[in-house]
Amino acid sequence: KRLLIAHELGHLYLKYVSTIKDKKELEKIVNVFGILAILDKDDFYKNLTKDLISKSIDEILSNANTLFKFN
């Protein structure tokens, strides 16, 4: 999902800064943009945020309730 989102963000970014008109060439560049955009994030999510990952849906709902005071 993150790679797809990064790919689409590449389209949005390159739409304004690129003069490339060839669709196949643009797709190649957008793919590289997406890969580079998430490369460091994989290490971050895998190694540095284990304590931040929710254990269950109930934990997410509880946290949301605490943050947004649904009651």
C-alpha atoms as a PDB file:
ATOM      1  CA  LYS A   1       0.000   0.000   0.000  1.00  0.00           C
ATOM      2  CA  ARG A   2       2.773   2.395   0.928  1.00  0.00           C
ATOM      3  CA  LEU A   3       4.559   1.809  -2.375  1.00  0.00           C
ATOM      4  CA  LEU A   4       1.373   2.490  -4.323  1.00  0.00           C
ATOM      5  CA  ILE A   5       0.762   5.699  -2.370  1.00  0.00           C
ATOM      6  CA  ALA A   6       4.385   6.796  -2.868  1.00  0.00           C
ATOM      7  CA  HIS A   7       4.041   6.054  -6.595  1.00  0.00           C
ATOM      8  CA  GLU A   8       0.917   8.204  -6.862  1.00  0.00           C
ATOM      9  CA  LEU A   9       2.571  11.001  -4.885  1.00  0.00           C
ATOM     10  CA  GLY A  10       5.351  10.838  -7.454  1.00  0.00           C
ATOM     11  CA  HIS A  11       2.776  11.513 -10.163  1.00  0.00           C
ATOM     12  CA  LEU A  12       1.490  14.541  -8.275  1.00  0.00           C
ATOM     13  CA  TYR A  13       4.972  15.905  -7.666  1.00  0.00           C
ATOM     14  CA  LEU A  14       6.278  15.300 -11.185  1.00  0.00           C
ATOM     15  CA  LYS A  15       3.152  16.796 -12.721  1.00  0.00           C
ATOM     16  CA  TYR A  16       4.383  20.188 -11.546  1.00  0.00           C
ATOM     17  CA  VAL A  17       8.163  19.870 -11.905  1.00  0.00           C
ATOM     18  CA  SER A  18       8.672  17.613 -14.926  1.00  0.00           C
ATOM     19  CA  THR A  19       8.554  18.323 -18.629  1.00  0.00           C
ATOM     20  CA  ILE A  20       8.556  14.616 -19.570  1.00  0.00           C
ATOM     21  CA  LYS A  21       5.745  13.856 -22.002  1.00  0.00           C
ATOM     22  CA  ASP A  22       6.506  10.187 -22.781  1.00  0.00           C
ATOM     23  CA  LYS A  23       4.144   8.145 -20.593  1.00  0.00           C
ATOM     24  CA  LYS A  24       6.412   5.082 -20.323  1.00  0.00           C
ATOM     25  CA  GLU A  25       9.410   7.192 -19.326  1.00  0.00           C
ATOM     26  CA  LEU A  26       7.333   9.075 -16.763  1.00  0.00           C
ATOM     27  CA  GLU A  27       6.108   5.795 -15.237  1.00  0.00           C
ATOM     28  CA  LYS A  28       9.702   4.602 -14.845  1.00  0.00           C
ATOM     29  CA  ILE A  29      10.681   7.791 -13.065  1.00  0.00           C
ATOM     30  CA  VAL A  30       7.574   7.708 -10.872  1.00  0.00           C
ATOM     31  CA  ASN A  31       8.384   4.100  -9.904  1.00  0.00           C
ATOM     32  CA  VAL A  32      11.889   5.124  -8.836  1.00  0.00           C
ATOM     33  CA  PHE A  33      10.417   8.078  -6.918  1.00  0.00           C
ATOM     34  CA  GLY A  34       8.075   5.713  -5.062  1.00  0.00           C
ATOM     35  CA  ILE A  35      10.855   3.283  -4.196  1.00  0.00           C
ATOM     36  CA  LEU A  36      13.178   6.016  -2.954  1.00  0.00           C
ATOM     37  CA  ALA A  37      10.363   7.626  -0.977  1.00  0.00           C
ATOM     38  CA  ILE A  38       9.758   4.498   1.112  1.00  0.00           C
ATOM     39  CA  LEU A  39      13.252   3.023   1.245  1.00  0.00           C
ATOM     40  CA  ASP A  40      14.269   4.614   4.549  1.00  0.00           C
ATOM     41  CA  LYS A  41      10.780   4.293   5.951  1.00  0.00           C
ATOM     42  CA  ASP A  42      10.948   0.484   5.820  1.00  0.00           C
ATOM     43  CA  ASP A  43      13.919   0.507   8.176  1.00  0.00           C
ATOM     44  CA  PHE A  44      12.134   3.028  10.391  1.00  0.00           C
ATOM     45  CA  TYR A  45       8.947   0.977  10.635  1.00  0.00           C
ATOM     46  CA  LYS A  46      10.710  -2.358  11.009  1.00  0.00           C
ATOM     47  CA  ASN A  47      13.361  -1.448  13.564  1.00  0.00           C
ATOM     48  CA  LEU A  48      12.498   1.767  15.328  1.00  0.00           C
ATOM     49  CA  THR A  49       8.743   1.718  15.885  1.00  0.00           C
ATOM     50  CA  LYS A  50       7.966  -1.757  17.178  1.00  0.00           C
ATOM     51  CA  ASP A  51       6.642  -0.239  20.405  1.00  0.00           C
ATOM     52  CA  LEU A  52       4.332   2.056  18.429  1.00  0.00           C
ATOM     53  CA  ILE A  53       2.562  -0.700  16.496  1.00  0.00           C
ATOM     54  CA  SER A  54      -0.869  -1.481  17.916  1.00  0.00           C
ATOM     55  CA  LYS A  55      -1.398  -5.001  19.193  1.00  0.00           C
ATOM     56  CA  SER A  56      -5.079  -5.193  18.265  1.00  0.00           C
ATOM     57  CA  ILE A  57      -8.082  -3.342  16.886  1.00  0.00           C
ATOM     58  CA  ASP A  58      -9.323  -2.880  20.456  1.00  0.00           C
ATOM     59  CA  GLU A  59      -6.120  -1.043  21.333  1.00  0.00           C
ATOM     60  CA  ILE A  60      -6.560   1.258  18.328  1.00  0.00           C
ATOM     61  CA  LEU A  61     -10.167   1.980  19.296  1.00  0.00           C
ATOM     62  CA  SER A  62      -9.192   2.602  22.898  1.00  0.00           C
ATOM     63  CA  ASN A  63      -6.455   5.009  21.840  1.00  0.00           C
ATOM     64  CA  ALA A  64      -8.828   6.809  19.474  1.00  0.00           C
ATOM     65  CA  ASN A  65     -11.412   7.082  22.246  1.00  0.00           C
ATOM     66  CA  THR A  66      -8.792   8.549  24.575  1.00  0.00           C
ATOM     67  CA  LEU A  67      -7.562  11.032  21.973  1.00  0.00           C
ATOM     68  CA  PHE A  68     -10.900  12.131  20.589  1.00  0.00           C
ATOM     69  CA  LYS A  69     -13.194  11.591  23.603  1.00  0.00           C
ATOM     70  CA  PHE A  70     -15.910   9.612  21.801  1.00  0.00           C
ATOM     71  CA  ASN A  71     -17.825   9.055  25.024  1.00  0.00           C
END
